[in-house]
Amino acid sequence: MAGRDWDMVGAPNARDLGGLIGADGRRVRTGRLIRTPALGRLADEDLPVLAKLGPACVVDLRDHTEIAVAPPDRLVGEPRLVHLPVHDPEHPVFTYVSAVLLGHDLNAYARLAREGTAAAMAAIYRWFVTGESARAGFAEAVRLAARAENLPLVYHCSAGKDRTGWLTVILLTALGVDEAAIRAEYLRNNPLTESLRAVIVEAMRRRQPELDVEAVLPVLEVRPEYLDAAYDEVRRVHGSFGVYLRNGLGLDDEVIAALRAHLLE
């Protein structure tokens, strides 16, 4: 089980990866790797929680187009801010998720809804493995986490579940955490955001009574089949996750060793 949830009103799925068992039975250190959604909706009472963590580095996986329409991240202290956009304009799911979270008009995404948002989400997860900006962004995020001066490290995208989720898979796999534990950690997003999803869906129903909620839910949830799509793509392209780390992301033994040295007890 992970170290702790951070109990933030404006970031309900923020959580510490500490406590998971990695290589050689060593646990991931608590208070070192924190995954969150975008921090622009943090409430005033959330800021002391973030201050207690004291992030040295905040990694933002959003594209500039997503950042431009969202509230600016609320931060404390003077963490290093690193922008590593993992985004493909050919996949409208990214902007769709942002539009849903921010309460924007969804009429522009009617075609996406008709084609099936669950299928589109699976396609995005396959792209996480092979897309150029995905490979570059995820790899650099791991390199940042492998350097002591960047810890504690907070990383996020928009909703804190997909790009943030796959980066978590990469980090935990590199740390030697087993796949079952990684899957369980990934799926924790849904119970943590259950109340938030209900609020978003109800607000959307009020604005658009004709809204097809079934077309929206796939982008508000994480699902096992999304993760399966990414794992399948790793096996198809690279044969194993170890080869993906080495050849797909360019993470050599030195980076993995440094990551484990700084993040495992």
C-alpha atoms as a PDB file:
ATOM      1  CA  MET A   1       0.000   0.000   0.000  1.00  0.00           C
ATOM      2  CA  ALA A   2       1.269   3.477  -0.832  1.00  0.00           C
ATOM      3  CA  GLY A   3       2.536   5.758   1.918  1.00  0.00           C
ATOM      4  CA  ARG A   4      -0.431   8.085   2.228  1.00  0.00           C
ATOM      5  CA  ASP A   5      -3.051  10.112   0.452  1.00  0.00           C
ATOM      6  CA  TRP A   6      -2.420  13.819   0.773  1.00  0.00           C
ATOM      7  CA  ASP A   7      -6.017  14.741   1.661  1.00  0.00           C
ATOM      8  CA  MET A   8      -6.253  17.750  -0.600  1.00  0.00           C
ATOM      9  CA  VAL A   9      -9.731  19.128  -1.279  1.00  0.00           C
ATOM     10  CA  GLY A  10      -8.690  20.399  -4.695  1.00  0.00           C
ATOM     11  CA  ALA A  11      -6.625  17.328  -5.596  1.00  0.00           C
ATOM     12  CA  PRO A  12      -8.491  14.270  -4.298  1.00  0.00           C
ATOM     13  CA  ASN A  13      -6.289  11.756  -6.117  1.00  0.00           C
ATOM     14  CA  ALA A  14      -2.990  13.255  -4.907  1.00  0.00           C
ATOM     15  CA  ARG A  15      -0.971  10.514  -3.279  1.00  0.00           C
ATOM     16  CA  ASP A  16       2.441   9.433  -2.097  1.00  0.00           C
ATOM     17  CA  LEU A  17       4.025   6.395  -3.752  1.00  0.00           C
ATOM     18  CA  GLY A  18       5.991   5.601  -0.614  1.00  0.00           C
ATOM     19  CA  GLY A  19       5.590   2.221   1.033  1.00  0.00           C
ATOM     20  CA  LEU A  20       5.335   0.087  -2.073  1.00  0.00           C
ATOM     21  CA  ILE A  21       7.843  -2.760  -2.119  1.00  0.00           C
ATOM     22  CA  GLY A  22      10.490  -2.500  -4.803  1.00  0.00           C
ATOM     23  CA  ALA A  23      13.732  -4.228  -5.738  1.00  0.00           C
ATOM     24  CA  ASP A  24      15.334  -6.533  -3.162  1.00  0.00           C
ATOM     25  CA  GLY A  25      12.370  -6.043  -0.824  1.00  0.00           C
ATOM     26  CA  ARG A  26      13.245  -2.390  -0.273  1.00  0.00           C
ATOM     27  CA  ARG A  27      10.312  -0.004   0.112  1.00  0.00           C
ATOM     28  CA  VAL A  28       9.794   3.188  -1.846  1.00  0.00           C
ATOM     29  CA  ARG A  29      10.644   6.084   0.450  1.00  0.00           C
ATOM     30  CA  THR A  30       7.715   8.157   1.655  1.00  0.00           C
ATOM     31  CA  GLY A  31       7.481  11.845   0.868  1.00  0.00           C
ATOM     32  CA  ARG A  32       9.687  11.588  -2.216  1.00  0.00           C
ATOM     33  CA  LEU A  33       7.389  10.866  -5.178  1.00  0.00           C
ATOM     34  CA  ILE A  34       3.952  12.504  -5.180  1.00  0.00           C
ATOM     35  CA  ARG A  35       1.479  12.173  -8.040  1.00  0.00           C
ATOM     36  CA  THR A  36      -1.276  14.762  -8.337  1.00  0.00           C
ATOM     37  CA  PRO A  37      -3.720  16.325 -10.762  1.00  0.00           C
ATOM     38  CA  ALA A  38      -3.059  19.891 -11.926  1.00  0.00           C
ATOM     39  CA  LEU A  39      -2.692  22.110  -8.883  1.00  0.00           C
ATOM     40  CA  GLY A  40      -4.767  25.075 -10.040  1.00  0.00           C
ATOM     41  CA  ARG A  41      -7.802  23.962  -8.051  1.00  0.00           C
ATOM     42  CA  LEU A  42      -6.061  23.615  -4.705  1.00  0.00           C
ATOM     43  CA  ALA A  43      -8.075  25.171  -1.907  1.00  0.00           C
ATOM     44  CA  ASP A  44      -6.508  27.489   0.642  1.00  0.00           C
ATOM     45  CA  GLU A  45      -6.523  24.669   3.188  1.00  0.00           C
ATOM     46  CA  ASP A  46      -4.541  22.492   0.779  1.00  0.00           C
ATOM     47  CA  LEU A  47      -1.548  24.817   0.717  1.00  0.00           C
ATOM     48  CA  PRO A  48      -0.217  23.937   4.192  1.00  0.00           C
ATOM     49  CA  VAL A  49      -0.382  20.263   3.165  1.00  0.00           C
ATOM     50  CA  LEU A  50       1.728  21.011   0.110  1.00  0.00           C
ATOM     51  CA  ALA A  51       4.068  23.164   2.191  1.00  0.00           C
ATOM     52  CA  LYS A  52       4.636  20.291   4.597  1.00  0.00           C
ATOM     53  CA  LEU A  53       5.691  18.111   1.671  1.00  0.00           C
ATOM     54  CA  GLY A  54       8.057  20.831   0.459  1.00  0.00           C
ATOM     55  CA  PRO A  55       8.492  19.824  -3.187  1.00  0.00           C
ATOM     56  CA  ALA A  56      11.874  20.602  -4.666  1.00  0.00           C
ATOM     57  CA  CYS A  57      10.633  20.050  -8.216  1.00  0.00           C
ATOM     58  CA  VAL A  58       7.215  20.109  -9.902  1.00  0.00           C
ATOM     59  CA  VAL A  59       6.877  18.392 -13.286  1.00  0.00           C
ATOM     60  CA  ASP A  60       3.936  19.433 -15.479  1.00  0.00           C
ATOM     61  CA  LEU A  61       3.098  17.019 -18.316  1.00  0.00           C
ATOM     62  CA  ARG A  62       0.467  19.271 -19.913  1.00  0.00           C
ATOM     63  CA  ASP A  63       0.749  21.020 -23.261  1.00  0.00           C
ATOM     64  CA  HIS A  64       0.775  24.827 -23.299  1.00  0.00           C
ATOM     65  CA  THR A  65      -2.714  24.806 -24.815  1.00  0.00           C
ATOM     66  CA  GLU A  66      -4.030  22.951 -21.756  1.00  0.00           C
ATOM     67  CA  ILE A  67      -2.182  25.212 -19.339  1.00  0.00           C
ATOM     68  CA  ALA A  68      -3.535  28.344 -21.038  1.00  0.00           C
ATOM     69  CA  VAL A  69      -7.185  27.500 -20.328  1.00  0.00           C
ATOM     70  CA  ALA A  70      -6.707  26.162 -16.788  1.00  0.00           C
ATOM     71  CA  PRO A  71      -6.245  27.973 -13.486  1.00  0.00           C
ATOM     72  CA  PRO A  72      -2.521  28.449 -12.751  1.00  0.00           C
ATOM     73  CA  ASP A  73      -0.957  25.927 -10.400  1.00  0.00           C
ATOM     74  CA  ARG A  74      -1.012  27.033  -6.773  1.00  0.00           C
ATOM     75  CA  LEU A  75       2.415  26.362  -5.307  1.00  0.00           C
ATOM     76  CA  VAL A  76       4.283  27.046  -2.095  1.00  0.00           C
ATOM     77  CA  GLY A  77       7.952  27.776  -1.669  1.00  0.00           C
ATOM     78  CA  GLU A  78      10.122  28.013  -4.751  1.00  0.00           C
ATOM     79  CA  PRO A  79      10.203  24.560  -6.338  1.00  0.00           C
ATOM     80  CA  ARG A  80      11.912  24.054  -9.648  1.00  0.00           C
ATOM     81  CA  LEU A  81       9.187  24.017 -12.322  1.00  0.00           C
ATOM     82  CA  VAL A  82       9.754  21.722 -15.303  1.00  0.00           C
ATOM     83  CA  HIS A  83       7.383  21.620 -18.253  1.00  0.00           C
ATOM     84  CA  LEU A  84       7.524  18.315 -20.159  1.00  0.00           C
ATOM     85  CA  PRO A  85       4.535  18.355 -22.541  1.00  0.00           C
ATOM     86  CA  VAL A  86       3.254  14.876 -23.358  1.00  0.00           C
ATOM     87  CA  HIS A  87       0.698  15.789 -25.965  1.00  0.00           C
ATOM     88  CA  ASP A  88      -0.354  14.862 -29.493  1.00  0.00           C
ATOM     89  CA  PRO A  89      -2.691  17.258 -31.340  1.00  0.00           C
ATOM     90  CA  GLU A  90      -3.823  14.321 -33.465  1.00  0.00           C
ATOM     91  CA  HIS A  91      -5.448  12.827 -30.354  1.00  0.00           C
ATOM     92  CA  PRO A  92      -8.297  15.148 -29.264  1.00  0.00           C
ATOM     93  CA  VAL A  93      -8.675  13.181 -26.018  1.00  0.00           C
ATOM     94  CA  PHE A  94      -6.186  15.485 -24.294  1.00  0.00           C
ATOM     95  CA  THR A  95      -8.208  18.625 -24.943  1.00  0.00           C
ATOM     96  CA  TYR A  96     -11.446  16.730 -24.343  1.00  0.00           C
ATOM     97  CA  VAL A  97     -10.356  15.751 -20.841  1.00  0.00           C
ATOM     98  CA  SER A  98      -9.394  19.360 -20.117  1.00  0.00           C
ATOM     99  CA  ALA A  99     -12.727  20.588 -21.482  1.00  0.00           C
ATOM    100  CA  VAL A 100     -14.634  18.156 -19.268  1.00  0.00           C
ATOM    101  CA  LEU A 101     -12.667  19.105 -16.155  1.00  0.00           C
ATOM    102  CA  LEU A 102     -13.052  22.828 -16.781  1.00  0.00           C
ATOM    103  CA  GLY A 103     -16.750  22.713 -17.703  1.00  0.00           C
ATOM    104  CA  HIS A 104     -16.287  23.849 -21.280  1.00  0.00           C
ATOM    105  CA  ASP A 105     -18.702  23.230 -24.156  1.00  0.00           C
ATOM    106  CA  LEU A 106     -18.278  19.668 -25.443  1.00  0.00           C
ATOM    107  CA  ASN A 107     -20.126  20.058 -28.735  1.00  0.00           C
ATOM    108  CA  ALA A 108     -16.832  20.155 -30.620  1.00  0.00           C
ATOM    109  CA  TYR A 109     -16.144  16.590 -29.487  1.00  0.00           C
ATOM    110  CA  ALA A 110     -19.306  14.964 -30.823  1.00  0.00           C
ATOM    111  CA  ARG A 111     -17.341  12.938 -33.346  1.00  0.00           C
ATOM    112  CA  LEU A 112     -15.019  11.628 -30.653  1.00  0.00           C
ATOM    113  CA  ALA A 113     -18.021  10.549 -28.568  1.00  0.00           C
ATOM    114  CA  ARG A 114     -19.576   8.765 -31.544  1.00  0.00           C
ATOM    115  CA  GLU A 115     -16.349   6.906 -32.308  1.00  0.00           C
ATOM    116  CA  GLY A 116     -16.085   5.722 -28.726  1.00  0.00           C
ATOM    117  CA  THR A 117     -14.101   7.471 -26.040  1.00  0.00           C
ATOM    118  CA  ALA A 118     -13.068   4.215 -24.354  1.00  0.00           C
ATOM    119  CA  ALA A 119     -11.394   3.104 -27.582  1.00  0.00           C
ATOM    120  CA  ALA A 120      -9.796   6.526 -27.917  1.00  0.00           C
ATOM    121  CA  MET A 121      -8.433   6.259 -24.387  1.00  0.00           C
ATOM    122  CA  ALA A 122      -6.864   2.872 -25.187  1.00  0.00           C
ATOM    123  CA  ALA A 123      -5.290   4.416 -28.296  1.00  0.00           C
ATOM    124  CA  ILE A 124      -3.818   7.180 -26.160  1.00  0.00           C
ATOM    125  CA  TYR A 125      -2.227   4.634 -23.834  1.00  0.00           C
ATOM    126  CA  ARG A 126      -0.640   2.850 -26.795  1.00  0.00           C
ATOM    127  CA  TRP A 127       0.654   6.225 -27.963  1.00  0.00           C
ATOM    128  CA  PHE A 128       2.204   6.779 -24.522  1.00  0.00           C
ATOM    129  CA  VAL A 129       4.618   3.970 -25.411  1.00  0.00           C
ATOM    130  CA  THR A 130       5.557   5.046 -28.935  1.00  0.00           C
ATOM    131  CA  GLY A 131       4.769   8.764 -29.314  1.00  0.00           C
ATOM    132  CA  GLU A 132       7.803  10.994 -29.670  1.00  0.00           C
ATOM    133  CA  SER A 133       6.807  13.605 -27.098  1.00  0.00           C
ATOM    134  CA  ALA A 134       5.606  10.865 -24.754  1.00  0.00           C
ATOM    135  CA  ARG A 135       8.913   9.028 -24.865  1.00  0.00           C
ATOM    136  CA  ALA A 136      10.892  12.255 -24.432  1.00  0.00           C
ATOM    137  CA  GLY A 137       8.732  13.617 -21.613  1.00  0.00           C
ATOM    138  CA  PHE A 138       8.462  10.423 -19.601  1.00  0.00           C
ATOM    139  CA  ALA A 139      12.176   9.698 -19.953  1.00  0.00           C
ATOM    140  CA  GLU A 140      13.206  13.159 -18.772  1.00  0.00           C
ATOM    141  CA  ALA A 141      10.800  12.927 -15.820  1.00  0.00           C
ATOM    142  CA  VAL A 142      12.520   9.714 -14.713  1.00  0.00           C
ATOM    143  CA  ARG A 143      15.934  11.335 -15.046  1.00  0.00           C
ATOM    144  CA  LEU A 144      14.746  14.218 -12.870  1.00  0.00           C
ATOM    145  CA  ALA A 145      13.482  11.775 -10.241  1.00  0.00           C
ATOM    146  CA  ALA A 146      16.874  10.045 -10.241  1.00  0.00           C
ATOM    147  CA  ARG A 147      18.626  13.212  -9.000  1.00  0.00           C
ATOM    148  CA  ALA A 148      18.525  13.952  -5.273  1.00  0.00           C
ATOM    149  CA  GLU A 149      18.226  17.712  -5.742  1.00  0.00           C
ATOM    150  CA  ASN A 150      14.798  17.253  -7.349  1.00  0.00           C
ATOM    151  CA  LEU A 151      13.294  15.340  -4.423  1.00  0.00           C
ATOM    152  CA  PRO A 152      10.603  15.525  -3.189  1.00  0.00           C
ATOM    153  CA  LEU A 153       9.219  15.519  -6.724  1.00  0.00           C
ATOM    154  CA  VAL A 154       5.588  16.291  -7.565  1.00  0.00           C
ATOM    155  CA  TYR A 155       4.349  15.415 -11.044  1.00  0.00           C
ATOM    156  CA  HIS A 156       1.011  15.971 -12.712  1.00  0.00           C
ATOM    157  CA  CYS A 157      -0.966  16.362 -15.919  1.00  0.00           C
ATOM    158  CA  SER A 158      -4.561  17.661 -16.037  1.00  0.00           C
ATOM    159  CA  ALA A 159      -6.626  15.024 -14.239  1.00  0.00           C
ATOM    160  CA  GLY A 160      -3.649  13.238 -12.686  1.00  0.00           C
ATOM    161  CA  LYS A 161      -4.689   9.816 -13.950  1.00  0.00           C
ATOM    162  CA  ASP A 162      -3.493   9.010 -17.493  1.00  0.00           C
ATOM    163  CA  ARG A 163      -0.162  10.649 -18.325  1.00  0.00           C
ATOM    164  CA  THR A 164       0.510  10.836 -14.599  1.00  0.00           C
ATOM    165  CA  GLY A 165      -0.639   7.221 -14.312  1.00  0.00           C
ATOM    166  CA  TRP A 166       1.666   5.908 -17.028  1.00  0.00           C
ATOM    167  CA  LEU A 167       4.640   7.852 -15.664  1.00  0.00           C
ATOM    168  CA  THR A 168       3.872   6.216 -12.320  1.00  0.00           C
ATOM    169  CA  VAL A 169       3.934   2.801 -14.003  1.00  0.00           C
ATOM    170  CA  ILE A 170       7.331   3.614 -15.494  1.00  0.00           C
ATOM    171  CA  LEU A 171       8.790   4.883 -12.223  1.00  0.00           C
ATOM    172  CA  LEU A 172       7.497   2.000 -10.139  1.00  0.00           C
ATOM    173  CA  THR A 173       8.595  -0.618 -12.666  1.00  0.00           C
ATOM    174  CA  ALA A 174      12.065   0.914 -12.763  1.00  0.00           C
ATOM    175  CA  LEU A 175      12.084   0.744  -8.952  1.00  0.00           C
ATOM    176  CA  GLY A 176      11.281  -2.961  -9.081  1.00  0.00           C
ATOM    177  CA  VAL A 177       7.666  -2.846  -7.846  1.00  0.00           C
ATOM    178  CA  ASP A 178       5.695  -5.834  -9.130  1.00  0.00           C
ATOM    179  CA  GLU A 179       2.979  -5.421 -11.746  1.00  0.00           C
ATOM    180  CA  ALA A 180       0.087  -6.442  -9.478  1.00  0.00           C
ATOM    181  CA  ALA A 181       0.949  -3.704  -6.988  1.00  0.00           C
ATOM    182  CA  ILE A 182       1.387  -1.190  -9.803  1.00  0.00           C
ATOM    183  CA  ARG A 183      -2.029  -2.061 -11.228  1.00  0.00           C
ATOM    184  CA  ALA A 184      -3.643  -1.684  -7.818  1.00  0.00           C
ATOM    185  CA  GLU A 185      -2.028   1.721  -7.362  1.00  0.00           C
ATOM    186  CA  TYR A 186      -3.204   2.819 -10.824  1.00  0.00           C
ATOM    187  CA  LEU A 187      -6.811   1.776 -10.162  1.00  0.00           C
ATOM    188  CA  ARG A 188      -6.949   3.674  -6.855  1.00  0.00           C
ATOM    189  CA  ASN A 189      -7.795   6.768  -8.877  1.00  0.00           C
ATOM    190  CA  ASN A 190     -11.438   5.726  -9.273  1.00  0.00           C
ATOM    191  CA  PRO A 191     -12.460   5.454  -5.610  1.00  0.00           C
ATOM    192  CA  LEU A 192     -10.470   8.579  -4.758  1.00  0.00           C
ATOM    193  CA  THR A 193     -12.315  10.646  -7.381  1.00  0.00           C
ATOM    194  CA  GLU A 194     -15.792   9.116  -7.105  1.00  0.00           C
ATOM    195  CA  SER A 195     -17.341  12.220  -5.519  1.00  0.00           C
ATOM    196  CA  LEU A 196     -15.592  14.535  -7.984  1.00  0.00           C
ATOM    197  CA  ARG A 197     -16.869  12.521 -10.954  1.00  0.00           C
ATOM    198  CA  ALA A 198     -20.431  12.725  -9.639  1.00  0.00           C
ATOM    199  CA  VAL A 199     -20.166  16.509  -9.279  1.00  0.00           C
ATOM    200  CA  ILE A 200     -18.718  16.898 -12.791  1.00  0.00           C
ATOM    201  CA  VAL A 201     -21.367  14.685 -14.393  1.00  0.00           C
ATOM    202  CA  GLU A 202     -24.227  16.449 -12.587  1.00  0.00           C
ATOM    203  CA  ALA A 203     -22.909  19.865 -13.606  1.00  0.00           C
ATOM    204  CA  MET A 204     -22.609  18.699 -17.198  1.00  0.00           C
ATOM    205  CA  ARG A 205     -26.177  17.343 -17.164  1.00  0.00           C
ATOM    206  CA  ARG A 206     -27.468  20.734 -16.005  1.00  0.00           C
ATOM    207  CA  ARG A 207     -25.654  22.552 -18.787  1.00  0.00           C
ATOM    208  CA  GLN A 208     -26.352  19.974 -21.503  1.00  0.00           C
ATOM    209  CA  PRO A 209     -29.448  17.879 -20.743  1.00  0.00           C
ATOM    210  CA  GLU A 210     -28.923  15.905 -23.938  1.00  0.00           C
ATOM    211  CA  LEU A 211     -25.390  14.929 -22.915  1.00  0.00           C
ATOM    212  CA  ASP A 212     -24.469  11.277 -23.397  1.00  0.00           C
ATOM    213  CA  VAL A 213     -22.913  10.556 -20.015  1.00  0.00           C
ATOM    214  CA  GLU A 214     -21.671   7.164 -21.209  1.00  0.00           C
ATOM    215  CA  ALA A 215     -19.474   9.001 -23.696  1.00  0.00           C
ATOM    216  CA  VAL A 216     -17.960  11.119 -20.924  1.00  0.00           C
ATOM    217  CA  LEU A 217     -17.288   8.541 -18.206  1.00  0.00           C
ATOM    218  CA  PRO A 218     -14.386   6.851 -20.049  1.00  0.00           C
ATOM    219  CA  VAL A 219     -12.320  10.038 -19.794  1.00  0.00           C
ATOM    220  CA  LEU A 220     -13.133  10.548 -16.120  1.00  0.00           C
ATOM    221  CA  GLU A 221     -12.058   7.060 -15.054  1.00  0.00           C
ATOM    222  CA  VAL A 222      -9.076   4.790 -15.282  1.00  0.00           C
ATOM    223  CA  ARG A 223      -9.810   1.296 -16.543  1.00  0.00           C
ATOM    224  CA  PRO A 224      -7.811  -1.937 -16.606  1.00  0.00           C
ATOM    225  CA  GLU A 225      -8.126  -2.115 -20.383  1.00  0.00           C
ATOM    226  CA  TYR A 226      -6.328   1.218 -20.756  1.00  0.00           C
ATOM    227  CA  LEU A 227      -3.357  -0.096 -18.840  1.00  0.00           C
ATOM    228  CA  ASP A 228      -3.555  -3.375 -20.774  1.00  0.00           C
ATOM    229  CA  ALA A 229      -3.320  -1.429 -24.032  1.00  0.00           C
ATOM    230  CA  ALA A 230      -0.071   0.210 -22.927  1.00  0.00           C
ATOM    231  CA  TYR A 231       1.443  -3.007 -21.602  1.00  0.00           C
ATOM    232  CA  ASP A 232       0.485  -4.791 -24.834  1.00  0.00           C
ATOM    233  CA  GLU A 233       2.158  -2.049 -26.859  1.00  0.00           C
ATOM    234  CA  VAL A 234       5.309  -2.371 -24.762  1.00  0.00           C
ATOM    235  CA  ARG A 235       5.419  -6.097 -25.491  1.00  0.00           C
ATOM    236  CA  ARG A 236       4.590  -5.632 -29.178  1.00  0.00           C
ATOM    237  CA  VAL A 237       7.256  -3.007 -29.815  1.00  0.00           C
ATOM    238  CA  HIS A 238       9.967  -3.914 -27.299  1.00  0.00           C
ATOM    239  CA  GLY A 239       9.279  -7.427 -26.072  1.00  0.00           C
ATOM    240  CA  SER A 240       9.659  -6.528 -22.397  1.00  0.00           C
ATOM    241  CA  PHE A 241       9.385  -3.556 -20.062  1.00  0.00           C
ATOM    242  CA  GLY A 242      13.105  -3.670 -19.377  1.00  0.00           C
ATOM    243  CA  VAL A 243      13.868  -3.199 -23.072  1.00  0.00           C
ATOM    244  CA  TYR A 244      11.280  -0.404 -23.232  1.00  0.00           C
ATOM    245  CA  LEU A 245      13.060   1.399 -20.387  1.00  0.00           C
ATOM    246  CA  ARG A 246      16.439   0.950 -22.037  1.00  0.00           C
ATOM    247  CA  ASN A 247      15.697   1.372 -25.744  1.00  0.00           C
ATOM    248  CA  GLY A 248      12.311   3.099 -25.834  1.00  0.00           C
ATOM    249  CA  LEU A 249      13.118   5.662 -23.144  1.00  0.00           C
ATOM    250  CA  GLY A 250      16.917   5.613 -23.232  1.00  0.00           C
ATOM    251  CA  LEU A 251      17.239   4.964 -19.504  1.00  0.00           C
ATOM    252  CA  ASP A 252      20.522   3.217 -18.914  1.00  0.00           C
ATOM    253  CA  ASP A 253      21.645   1.178 -15.913  1.00  0.00           C
ATOM    254  CA  GLU A 254      23.221   4.246 -14.308  1.00  0.00           C
ATOM    255  CA  VAL A 255      19.905   6.133 -14.268  1.00  0.00           C
ATOM    256  CA  ILE A 256      18.014   3.136 -12.884  1.00  0.00           C
ATOM    257  CA  ALA A 257      20.656   2.622 -10.191  1.00  0.00           C
ATOM    258  CA  ALA A 258      20.487   6.295  -9.175  1.00  0.00           C
ATOM    259  CA  LEU A 259      16.687   6.166  -9.098  1.00  0.00           C
ATOM    260  CA  ARG A 260      16.774   3.171  -6.764  1.00  0.00           C
ATOM    261  CA  ALA A 261      19.512   4.655  -4.600  1.00  0.00           C
ATOM    262  CA  HIS A 262      17.534   7.822  -3.924  1.00  0.00           C
ATOM    263  CA  LEU A 263      14.019   6.407  -3.781  1.00  0.00           C
ATOM    264  CA  LEU A 264      14.294   2.986  -2.118  1.00  0.00           C
ATOM    265  CA  GLU A 265      14.932   2.582   1.599  1.00  0.00           C
END
